[in-house]
Amino acid sequence: MKFSEPVLEGQFLKRYKRFFADVQLGGDDPEVVAHVPNTGSLKGCLAENAPCRVTHNDNPARKLKYTLQMIKTPTSWVGVNTGLSNDLVWEAFTSGKVKRWEHWDNGQREVKISDKSRIDLVLWENRDGAPSPTKRLSMADFMTSKFHFVEIKNVSLAEGGRALFPDAVTTRGQKHLEELMELIIQGHSAEIVFTIQREDCLVFSPADDIDPEYGKLLRQAVKQGLVVSAYPCRLEKSGIQLDTGQPLKLEL
């Protein structure tokens, strides 16, 4: 996936109010305020004066013209934009890069699965009685056909070559696991995809020291049949690619 906006390099100065960061651009350019598209703690990624990359958008409707995309740690560039993870996985599906998904013909993003929840991706096969690919899925469809439900998570935290999730307690993430287990009980299949937006990891594990309840629920869901996939990313100034051919080893 290539960035559609110009990418500028600079130095990360500080993050504040969760969604703001001061960035010093290169050369004689001034200090700017960039949007931080990440609700997590970004533990281990926010060293002062670390090299960073921001995109620039001149849309007059935007309050902040810059968006923080990557920060350099001692061992890897790290992608901090959680909003890109869904795009990366969708691109991998539509381009046929996830071999275990090859038998699913159709996919839809951001599908409502309850009155209060949506899931990132739903896949299904063309078969008698299956919904048309041009039809927006509804909860009623889930009663008549079998689907593969996919939740997508962005990972920025790593320690000693081990990718870890979450980087802060996530009651929302816990709820997602409970919903995936319920879908499995209903007869569907389900998967959680962790996109590792860094290049220095070989193993993925839940961050039990940060959110033990999340780790407990993840292991419980795996016992019920949840598939866990952890794919690293290749990060360049021009964009980010999901490496589905080299998934990380899972140590749950």
Protein backbone atom coordinates (compact mmCIF):
# COMPACT_ATOMS: atom_id res chain seq x y z
CA MET A 1 0.00 0.00 0.00
CA LYS A 2 1.48 3.31 -1.09
CA PHE A 3 0.81 6.56 0.72
CA SER A 4 -1.40 8.80 -1.39
CA GLU A 5 -0.07 11.97 0.26
CA PRO A 6 3.46 13.44 0.36
CA VAL A 7 5.70 11.91 3.03
CA LEU A 8 8.03 14.15 5.02
CA GLU A 9 10.75 13.13 7.46
CA GLY A 10 11.51 14.84 10.72
CA GLN A 11 12.07 14.34 14.43
CA PHE A 12 9.41 13.30 16.93
CA LEU A 13 9.40 15.68 19.90
CA LYS A 14 6.48 14.74 22.13
CA ARG A 15 2.95 13.33 22.23
CA TYR A 16 0.18 14.93 24.24
CA LYS A 17 -3.60 14.72 24.65
CA ARG A 18 -3.23 11.28 23.04
CA PHE A 19 -3.92 12.46 19.48
CA PHE A 20 -1.35 15.26 19.08
CA ALA A 21 2.39 15.20 18.50
CA ASP A 22 4.95 17.94 18.00
CA VAL A 23 7.27 17.16 15.10
CA GLN A 24 10.32 19.04 13.89
CA LEU A 25 10.56 18.73 10.14
CA GLY A 26 13.91 18.50 8.40
CA GLY A 27 16.04 21.45 7.35
CA ASP A 28 14.76 24.90 8.24
CA ASP A 29 11.11 23.85 8.30
CA PRO A 30 9.19 24.78 11.41
CA GLU A 31 7.88 22.65 14.20
CA VAL A 32 4.41 21.32 13.32
CA VAL A 33 1.57 19.60 15.15
CA ALA A 34 0.65 16.19 13.72
CA HIS A 35 -2.36 14.00 14.31
CA VAL A 36 -1.53 10.70 16.06
CA PRO A 37 -3.98 8.09 14.66
CA ASN A 38 -3.54 5.65 17.53
CA THR A 39 -5.49 5.26 20.77
CA GLY A 40 -2.91 2.98 22.41
CA SER A 41 -0.02 3.93 24.65
CA LEU A 42 2.64 3.43 21.92
CA LYS A 43 4.84 2.02 24.65
CA GLY A 44 8.48 1.86 23.58
CA CYS A 45 7.96 3.98 20.48
CA LEU A 46 7.99 7.57 21.68
CA ALA A 47 11.63 8.45 22.26
CA GLU A 48 12.26 12.18 22.08
CA ASN A 49 14.08 13.25 18.91
CA ALA A 50 13.49 9.89 17.22
CA PRO A 51 13.29 10.05 13.42
CA CYS A 52 9.70 10.01 12.20
CA ARG A 53 7.63 10.20 9.04
CA VAL A 54 4.48 12.24 8.54
CA THR A 55 2.10 12.66 5.64
CA HIS A 56 0.87 16.09 4.59
CA ASN A 57 -2.65 16.95 3.45
CA ASP A 58 -3.54 20.51 2.42
CA ASN A 59 -7.30 20.01 2.60
CA PRO A 60 -8.64 23.27 4.09
CA ALA A 61 -11.27 21.29 6.02
CA ARG A 62 -8.57 19.59 8.08
CA LYS A 63 -7.56 21.17 11.36
CA LEU A 64 -4.22 19.32 11.34
CA LYS A 65 -2.41 19.11 8.02
CA TYR A 66 0.07 16.46 9.16
CA THR A 67 -0.44 12.83 10.25
CA LEU A 68 2.18 10.81 12.11
CA GLN A 69 2.75 7.55 10.23
CA MET A 70 6.02 6.04 11.50
CA ILE A 71 8.58 6.40 14.27
CA LYS A 72 12.10 4.93 14.24
CA THR A 73 13.14 2.84 17.21
CA PRO A 74 16.69 1.47 17.68
CA THR A 75 15.71 -1.77 15.90
CA SER A 76 13.01 -0.86 13.37
CA TRP A 77 10.70 1.69 11.87
CA VAL A 78 7.27 1.30 13.49
CA GLY A 79 3.95 2.15 11.87
CA VAL A 80 1.69 3.93 14.34
CA ASN A 81 -1.39 4.53 12.19
CA THR A 82 -3.88 1.89 13.35
CA GLY A 83 -6.29 2.92 10.61
CA LEU A 84 -3.99 1.41 7.97
CA SER A 85 -4.27 -2.14 9.30
CA ASN A 86 -7.72 -2.77 7.83
CA ASP A 87 -6.57 -1.41 4.48
CA LEU A 88 -3.49 -3.63 4.51
CA VAL A 89 -5.53 -6.77 5.20
CA TRP A 90 -8.17 -5.86 2.64
CA GLU A 91 -5.47 -5.30 0.03
CA ALA A 92 -3.98 -8.70 0.87
CA PHE A 93 -7.39 -10.39 0.47
CA THR A 94 -8.32 -8.71 -2.81
CA SER A 95 -4.90 -9.45 -4.32
CA GLY A 96 -5.01 -13.12 -3.27
CA LYS A 97 -1.99 -12.91 -0.97
CA VAL A 98 -3.56 -14.85 1.90
CA LYS A 99 -3.47 -18.46 0.71
CA ARG A 100 -5.77 -19.80 3.41
CA TRP A 101 -8.46 -17.37 2.21
CA GLU A 102 -8.35 -18.43 -1.45
CA HIS A 103 -11.59 -20.44 -1.28
CA TRP A 104 -13.57 -17.44 -0.07
CA ASP A 105 -14.91 -15.59 -3.09
CA ASN A 106 -16.43 -12.53 -1.45
CA GLY A 107 -15.57 -10.08 1.26
CA GLN A 108 -17.11 -7.04 2.92
CA ARG A 109 -15.63 -4.60 5.39
CA GLU A 110 -17.15 -3.04 8.51
CA VAL A 111 -20.14 -5.35 8.78
CA LYS A 112 -22.71 -4.98 11.53
CA ILE A 113 -22.91 -8.12 13.69
CA SER A 114 -25.12 -6.79 16.49
CA ASP A 115 -27.02 -3.67 17.42
CA LYS A 116 -23.83 -2.23 18.93
CA SER A 117 -20.93 -3.88 17.10
CA ARG A 118 -19.28 -4.11 13.71
CA ILE A 119 -16.55 -6.47 12.62
CA ASP A 120 -13.66 -5.51 10.37
CA LEU A 121 -14.06 -8.13 7.63
CA VAL A 122 -16.48 -10.89 6.63
CA LEU A 123 -15.64 -13.52 3.98
CA TRP A 124 -17.89 -16.06 2.31
CA GLU A 125 -18.15 -18.45 -0.64
CA ASN A 126 -20.38 -18.36 -3.68
CA ARG A 127 -22.80 -21.22 -3.10
CA ASP A 128 -26.51 -21.90 -3.34
CA GLY A 129 -28.38 -19.60 -1.00
CA ALA A 130 -25.37 -17.37 -0.27
CA PRO A 131 -25.83 -13.59 -0.36
CA SER A 132 -24.98 -11.77 -3.56
CA PRO A 133 -21.56 -10.05 -3.42
CA THR A 134 -23.26 -6.81 -4.42
CA LYS A 135 -25.67 -6.97 -1.48
CA ARG A 136 -24.76 -5.34 1.81
CA LEU A 137 -24.69 -8.08 4.46
CA SER A 138 -27.23 -7.96 7.24
CA MET A 139 -27.49 -9.86 10.51
CA ALA A 140 -30.32 -11.90 8.98
CA ASP A 141 -27.85 -13.37 6.47
CA PHE A 142 -25.86 -14.93 9.28
CA MET A 143 -28.82 -17.18 10.10
CA THR A 144 -28.95 -18.73 6.61
CA SER A 145 -25.30 -19.05 5.50
CA LYS A 146 -21.88 -19.70 7.03
CA PHE A 147 -19.29 -16.92 7.08
CA HIS A 148 -15.71 -16.31 8.14
CA PHE A 149 -15.46 -13.34 10.51
CA VAL A 150 -12.15 -11.49 10.80
CA GLU A 151 -11.14 -8.96 13.45
CA ILE A 152 -7.98 -6.94 12.70
CA LYS A 153 -5.57 -5.48 15.25
CA ASN A 154 -2.53 -3.26 14.82
CA VAL A 155 0.63 -4.11 16.78
CA SER A 156 3.35 -1.59 17.54
CA LEU A 157 4.78 -2.96 20.81
CA ALA A 158 7.77 -5.32 20.83
CA GLU A 159 10.27 -6.58 23.36
CA GLY A 160 13.29 -8.69 22.48
CA GLY A 161 12.02 -9.70 19.05
CA ARG A 162 8.56 -10.54 20.36
CA ALA A 163 5.52 -8.62 19.08
CA LEU A 164 3.02 -7.97 21.87
CA PHE A 165 -0.61 -6.91 22.00
CA PRO A 166 -2.15 -4.87 23.53
CA ASP A 167 0.06 -2.00 24.67
CA ALA A 168 -2.62 -0.84 27.14
CA VAL A 169 -5.62 -2.46 28.79
CA THR A 170 -8.30 -2.87 26.13
CA THR A 171 -11.83 -3.64 27.27
CA ARG A 172 -12.88 -3.11 23.65
CA GLY A 173 -10.45 -5.81 22.52
CA GLN A 174 -11.75 -8.16 25.20
CA LYS A 175 -15.29 -7.56 23.93
CA HIS A 176 -14.20 -8.39 20.38
CA LEU A 177 -12.84 -11.76 21.51
CA GLU A 178 -16.10 -12.55 23.29
CA GLU A 179 -18.02 -11.68 20.12
CA LEU A 180 -15.78 -13.92 18.00
CA MET A 181 -16.38 -16.82 20.38
CA GLU A 182 -20.12 -16.29 20.14
CA LEU A 183 -19.93 -16.37 16.33
CA ILE A 184 -18.04 -19.68 16.53
CA ILE A 185 -20.74 -21.08 18.79
CA GLN A 186 -23.29 -20.07 16.15
CA GLY A 187 -21.47 -22.28 13.62
CA HIS A 188 -19.33 -19.75 11.78
CA SER A 189 -15.54 -19.60 11.61
CA ALA A 190 -13.56 -16.70 13.01
CA GLU A 191 -10.06 -15.27 12.92
CA ILE A 192 -8.08 -12.47 14.47
CA VAL A 193 -5.32 -10.95 12.35
CA PHE A 194 -2.54 -9.04 14.06
CA THR A 195 -0.69 -6.72 11.66
CA ILE A 196 2.80 -6.21 13.04
CA GLN A 197 3.80 -2.75 11.79
CA ARG A 198 7.49 -3.27 12.42
CA GLU A 199 10.32 -5.44 11.03
CA ASP A 200 12.16 -6.69 14.12
CA CYS A 201 9.89 -9.48 15.40
CA LEU A 202 9.87 -13.25 14.97
CA VAL A 203 7.24 -14.23 17.55
CA PHE A 204 3.83 -12.95 18.61
CA SER A 205 2.35 -13.24 22.11
CA PRO A 206 -0.40 -11.53 24.10
CA ALA A 207 0.96 -8.89 26.49
CA ASP A 208 -0.13 -10.63 29.69
CA ASP A 209 1.71 -8.21 31.94
CA ILE A 210 -0.30 -5.31 30.49
CA ASP A 211 -3.74 -6.91 30.04
CA PRO A 212 -3.93 -10.42 31.55
CA GLU A 213 -7.66 -10.65 30.85
CA TYR A 214 -7.06 -10.16 27.13
CA GLY A 215 -4.49 -12.97 27.09
CA LYS A 216 -6.88 -15.24 29.00
CA LEU A 217 -9.72 -14.58 26.56
CA LEU A 218 -7.45 -15.05 23.53
CA ARG A 219 -6.36 -18.49 24.73
CA GLN A 220 -9.96 -19.41 25.53
CA ALA A 221 -11.04 -18.34 22.04
CA VAL A 222 -8.27 -20.40 20.40
CA LYS A 223 -9.51 -23.47 22.28
CA GLN A 224 -12.95 -22.81 20.81
CA GLY A 225 -11.54 -22.68 17.28
CA LEU A 226 -10.44 -19.09 16.73
CA VAL A 227 -7.65 -18.79 14.16
CA VAL A 228 -4.83 -16.40 15.07
CA SER A 229 -2.62 -14.92 12.33
CA ALA A 230 0.26 -12.51 12.93
CA TYR A 231 1.78 -10.93 9.81
CA PRO A 232 4.78 -8.59 9.80
CA CYS A 233 4.97 -5.50 7.63
CA ARG A 234 7.66 -4.09 5.39
CA LEU A 235 7.93 -0.37 6.01
CA GLU A 236 9.35 2.06 3.47
CA LYS A 237 9.06 5.80 3.14
CA SER A 238 6.65 5.39 0.23
CA GLY A 239 4.32 2.93 1.95
CA ILE A 240 3.73 -0.27 3.89
CA GLN A 241 3.32 -3.87 2.70
CA LEU A 242 1.82 -6.77 4.68
CA ASP A 243 4.03 -9.86 4.42
CA THR A 244 1.51 -12.70 4.46
CA GLY A 245 4.14 -15.19 3.27
CA GLN A 246 6.14 -14.98 6.49
CA PRO A 247 3.74 -15.09 9.47
CA LEU A 248 5.21 -14.79 12.92
CA LYS A 249 5.45 -17.81 15.19
CA LEU A 250 2.68 -17.82 17.79
CA GLU A 251 3.48 -18.32 21.45
CA LEU A 252 0.17 -18.01 23.23
